[in-house]
C-alpha atoms as a PDB file:
ATOM      1  CA  MET A   1     -19.124  -1.283   1.778  1.00  0.00           C
ATOM      2  CA  SER A   2     -21.098  -1.462   5.152  1.00  0.00           C
ATOM      3  CA  SER A   3     -22.829   0.946   6.979  1.00  0.00           C
ATOM      4  CA  ASP A   4     -19.311   1.935   9.074  1.00  0.00           C
ATOM      5  CA  ASN A   5     -18.378   3.758   5.875  1.00  0.00           C
ATOM      6  CA  ASN A   6     -19.163   7.039   7.392  1.00  0.00           C
ATOM      7  CA  LYS A   7     -18.655   6.482  11.434  1.00  0.00           C
ATOM      8  CA  PRO A   8     -15.468   7.448  12.625  1.00  0.00           C
ATOM      9  CA  LEU A   9     -12.054   5.095  12.273  1.00  0.00           C
ATOM     10  CA  ASP A  10     -11.151   3.969  15.490  1.00  0.00           C
ATOM     11  CA  GLN A  11      -8.771   1.255  16.697  1.00  0.00           C
ATOM     12  CA  ALA A  12     -11.074  -1.975  15.661  1.00  0.00           C
ATOM     13  CA  ARG A  13     -12.141  -0.424  12.426  1.00  0.00           C
ATOM     14  CA  CYS A  14      -8.801   0.568  11.683  1.00  0.00           C
ATOM     15  CA  ASP A  15      -6.849  -2.991  11.922  1.00  0.00           C
ATOM     16  CA  ALA A  16      -9.896  -4.133   9.623  1.00  0.00           C
ATOM     17  CA  ALA A  17     -10.021  -1.441   6.830  1.00  0.00           C
ATOM     18  CA  ALA A  18      -5.667  -2.412   7.200  1.00  0.00           C
ATOM     19  CA  VAL A  19      -5.788  -5.779   6.430  1.00  0.00           C
ATOM     20  CA  ARG A  20      -8.690  -5.398   3.628  1.00  0.00           C
ATOM     21  CA  PHE A  21      -6.176  -2.738   1.816  1.00  0.00           C
ATOM     22  CA  CYS A  22      -3.391  -4.778   1.815  1.00  0.00           C
ATOM     23  CA  THR A  23      -4.517  -8.454   0.910  1.00  0.00           C
ATOM     24  CA  MET A  24      -6.483  -6.344  -2.090  1.00  0.00           C
ATOM     25  CA  TYR A  25      -3.085  -4.935  -2.703  1.00  0.00           C
ATOM     26  CA  TYR A  26      -1.266  -7.277  -3.043  1.00  0.00           C
ATOM     27  CA  LYS A  27      -3.077  -9.555  -4.964  1.00  0.00           C
ATOM     28  CA  ARG A  28      -3.945  -7.291  -7.537  1.00  0.00           C
ATOM     29  CA  MET A  29       0.756  -6.340  -6.694  1.00  0.00           C
ATOM     30  CA  SER A  30       0.992 -10.024  -8.000  1.00  0.00           C
ATOM     31  CA  ASP A  31      -2.039 -10.766 -10.485  1.00  0.00           C
ATOM     32  CA  THR A  32      -3.021  -7.074 -12.053  1.00  0.00           C
ATOM     33  CA  ARG A  33      -0.286  -4.126 -11.182  1.00  0.00           C
ATOM     34  CA  GLN A  34      -1.741  -1.970 -13.809  1.00  0.00           C
ATOM     35  CA  ASN A  35      -4.613  -2.103 -11.580  1.00  0.00           C
ATOM     36  CA  LEU A  36      -2.756  -0.153  -8.551  1.00  0.00           C
ATOM     37  CA  THR A  37      -2.882   3.242 -10.015  1.00  0.00           C
ATOM     38  CA  PRO A  38      -6.199   4.318  -9.047  1.00  0.00           C
ATOM     39  CA  LEU A  39      -5.425   2.850  -5.621  1.00  0.00           C
ATOM     40  CA  TYR A  40      -2.998   5.996  -5.568  1.00  0.00           C
ATOM     41  CA  ALA A  41      -3.974   9.701  -4.704  1.00  0.00           C
ATOM     42  CA  ASP A  42      -2.671  11.922  -7.614  1.00  0.00           C
ATOM     43  CA  GLN A  43      -0.566  13.512  -5.349  1.00  0.00           C
ATOM     44  CA  ALA A  44       0.764  10.625  -3.882  1.00  0.00           C
ATOM     45  CA  VAL A  45       4.560   9.780  -3.121  1.00  0.00           C
ATOM     46  CA  LEU A  46       5.778   6.264  -3.547  1.00  0.00           C
ATOM     47  CA  ALA A  47       9.675   6.070  -2.227  1.00  0.00           C
ATOM     48  CA  TRP A  48      10.531   2.281  -3.790  1.00  0.00           C
ATOM     49  CA  ASN A  49      13.750   1.262  -2.275  1.00  0.00           C
ATOM     50  CA  GLY A  50      14.853   4.680  -1.073  1.00  0.00           C
ATOM     51  CA  HIS A  51      14.006   6.114  -5.092  1.00  0.00           C
ATOM     52  CA  ARG A  52      11.572   8.882  -5.400  1.00  0.00           C
ATOM     53  CA  HIS A  53       8.305   9.097  -7.568  1.00  0.00           C
ATOM     54  CA  SER A  54       5.580  11.793  -7.176  1.00  0.00           C
ATOM     55  CA  GLY A  55       2.162  11.551  -8.462  1.00  0.00           C
ATOM     56  CA  LYS A  56      -0.119   8.787  -9.671  1.00  0.00           C
ATOM     57  CA  GLN A  57       1.044   8.900 -13.143  1.00  0.00           C
ATOM     58  CA  GLU A  58       4.739   8.390 -12.757  1.00  0.00           C
ATOM     59  CA  ILE A  59       3.690   5.488  -9.929  1.00  0.00           C
ATOM     60  CA  GLY A  60       1.780   3.501 -12.801  1.00  0.00           C
ATOM     61  CA  GLN A  61       4.760   4.000 -14.967  1.00  0.00           C
ATOM     62  CA  PHE A  62       6.822   2.753 -12.292  1.00  0.00           C
ATOM     63  CA  TYR A  63       5.210  -0.495 -12.076  1.00  0.00           C
ATOM     64  CA  ALA A  64       4.617  -1.361 -15.357  1.00  0.00           C
ATOM     65  CA  GLN A  65       8.195  -1.395 -15.863  1.00  0.00           C
ATOM     66  CA  LEU A  66       9.197  -3.708 -12.820  1.00  0.00           C
ATOM     67  CA  PRO A  67       8.907  -7.509 -13.652  1.00  0.00           C
ATOM     68  CA  ASN A  68       6.380  -9.397 -12.558  1.00  0.00           C
ATOM     69  CA  CYS A  69       6.117 -10.371  -8.809  1.00  0.00           C
ATOM     70  CA  VAL A  70       4.620 -12.852  -6.252  1.00  0.00           C
ATOM     71  CA  ALA A  71       4.438 -10.901  -2.687  1.00  0.00           C
ATOM     72  CA  GLN A  72       2.979 -12.282   0.593  1.00  0.00           C
ATOM     73  CA  PRO A  73       1.979 -10.290   3.302  1.00  0.00           C
ATOM     74  CA  TYR A  74       2.952 -12.336   6.656  1.00  0.00           C
ATOM     75  CA  SER A  75       1.961  -9.427   9.148  1.00  0.00           C
ATOM     76  CA  VAL A  76      -0.160  -6.024   9.028  1.00  0.00           C
ATOM     77  CA  SER A  77      -0.766  -3.191  11.507  1.00  0.00           C
ATOM     78  CA  ALA A  78      -2.507  -0.034  12.069  1.00  0.00           C
ATOM     79  CA  GLN A  79      -2.379   2.938  13.508  1.00  0.00           C
ATOM     80  CA  LEU A  80      -4.884   6.235  13.538  1.00  0.00           C
ATOM     81  CA  LEU A  81      -3.246   9.087  12.071  1.00  0.00           C
ATOM     82  CA  ASP A  82      -3.614  12.903  13.763  1.00  0.00           C
ATOM     83  CA  GLY A  83      -6.762  14.666  12.219  1.00  0.00           C
ATOM     84  CA  ASP A  84      -5.042  17.521  12.899  1.00  0.00           C
ATOM     85  CA  ILE A  85      -2.243  16.889  10.766  1.00  0.00           C
ATOM     86  CA  PHE A  86      -3.427  14.265   8.054  1.00  0.00           C
ATOM     87  CA  PRO A  87      -6.496  14.193   6.623  1.00  0.00           C
ATOM     88  CA  PRO A  88      -9.783  13.062   9.236  1.00  0.00           C
ATOM     89  CA  ASN A  89      -9.817   9.084   9.106  1.00  0.00           C
ATOM     90  CA  SER A  90      -6.215   8.110   7.360  1.00  0.00           C
ATOM     91  CA  LEU A  91      -3.996   5.866   9.016  1.00  0.00           C
ATOM     92  CA  LEU A  92      -0.900   3.614   8.896  1.00  0.00           C
ATOM     93  CA  ALA A  93      -0.985   0.644   7.296  1.00  0.00           C
ATOM     94  CA  THR A  94       2.818  -1.533   7.655  1.00  0.00           C
ATOM     95  CA  CYS A  95       3.201  -4.791   6.171  1.00  0.00           C
ATOM     96  CA  HIS A  96       5.718  -7.009   5.867  1.00  0.00           C
ATOM     97  CA  GLY A  97       6.494  -9.873   4.007  1.00  0.00           C
ATOM     98  CA  GLN A  98       8.356 -11.671   1.032  1.00  0.00           C
ATOM     99  CA  VAL A  99       8.648 -10.715  -2.203  1.00  0.00           C
ATOM    100  CA  LYS A 100       9.951 -12.657  -5.199  1.00  0.00           C
ATOM    101  CA  PHE A 101      10.412 -10.559  -8.482  1.00  0.00           C
ATOM    102  CA  LEU A 102       9.653 -13.130 -11.933  1.00  0.00           C
ATOM    103  CA  ARG A 103      12.064 -12.763 -15.157  1.00  0.00           C
ATOM    104  CA  CYS A 104      15.233 -11.350 -12.713  1.00  0.00           C
ATOM    105  CA  GLU A 105      18.515 -12.567 -12.490  1.00  0.00           C
ATOM    106  CA  ASP A 106      17.962 -12.801  -8.746  1.00  0.00           C
ATOM    107  CA  ARG A 107      14.967 -14.902  -8.400  1.00  0.00           C
ATOM    108  CA  ARG A 108      14.620 -15.210  -4.597  1.00  0.00           C
ATOM    109  CA  HIS A 109      12.684 -14.285  -2.012  1.00  0.00           C
ATOM    110  CA  LYS A 110      13.173 -11.507  -0.287  1.00  0.00           C
ATOM    111  CA  LEU A 111      11.319  -9.833   3.283  1.00  0.00           C
ATOM    112  CA  PHE A 112      10.158  -6.438   2.515  1.00  0.00           C
ATOM    113  CA  SER A 113       8.167  -3.468   4.678  1.00  0.00           C
ATOM    114  CA  GLN A 114       6.440  -1.496   3.395  1.00  0.00           C
ATOM    115  CA  ALA A 115       4.611   1.434   4.891  1.00  0.00           C
ATOM    116  CA  PHE A 116       1.203   2.896   3.438  1.00  0.00           C
ATOM    117  CA  VAL A 117      -0.239   6.174   4.489  1.00  0.00           C
ATOM    118  CA  LEU A 118      -3.850   5.880   3.768  1.00  0.00           C
ATOM    119  CA  SER A 119      -6.804   8.383   3.868  1.00  0.00           C
ATOM    120  CA  ARG A 120     -10.589   7.212   3.287  1.00  0.00           C
ATOM    121  CA  GLN A 121     -12.417   8.676   1.180  1.00  0.00           C
ATOM    122  CA  SER A 122     -16.428   9.503   1.281  1.00  0.00           C
ATOM    123  CA  ASP A 123     -17.050   6.317  -0.112  1.00  0.00           C
ATOM    124  CA  GLY A 124     -15.399   3.900   2.110  1.00  0.00           C
ATOM    125  CA  THR A 125     -12.660   3.307   0.451  1.00  0.00           C
ATOM    126  CA  PHE A 126      -8.983   3.983   0.603  1.00  0.00           C
ATOM    127  CA  VAL A 127      -6.403   6.218  -1.172  1.00  0.00           C
ATOM    128  CA  ILE A 128      -2.158   6.027  -0.901  1.00  0.00           C
ATOM    129  CA  LEU A 129      -0.480   8.929   0.072  1.00  0.00           C
ATOM    130  CA  SER A 130       2.721   8.061   1.063  1.00  0.00           C
ATOM    131  CA  ASP A 131       3.829   4.272   0.213  1.00  0.00           C
ATOM    132  CA  THR A 132       7.318   2.962   1.439  1.00  0.00           C
ATOM    133  CA  PHE A 133       8.517   0.185   0.406  1.00  0.00           C
ATOM    134  CA  ARG A 134      11.797  -1.539   1.496  1.00  0.00           C
ATOM    135  CA  THR A 135      13.665  -5.068   0.509  1.00  0.00           C
ATOM    136  CA  SER A 136      15.544  -6.419   3.343  1.00  0.00           C
ATOM    137  CA  GLU A 137      18.804  -8.194   1.961  1.00  0.00           C
ATOM    138  CA  PRO A 138      20.613 -11.074   4.426  1.00  0.00           C
END
């Protein structure tokens, strides 16, 4: 990681971090889903199409039972979060794109929106505190 790891996030660093994180996340989601679990904080919360999963272990179990997929993000936006409410250097990354779940009845591409609350760790990496995923049906 670069020497910017210890600098407070400004909007430019926030945008760049969100793009890097989402690119890595969706590559793992499509290729090596078992490697998603380490991206979550121990007490993270995932809301997947309205279904809540709490804690890193439960989130990992949920991802393990999902059919394989190909996820393609189209846009990523980011904003800094208030350090009085969230841990310092936290951001909200919002992604929109399409996903195709393989080995299921409905194999059509579906549009999705996903919002991550990310917290930067002392080593410069980000962990997911909160994750909300929603597919859009026509």
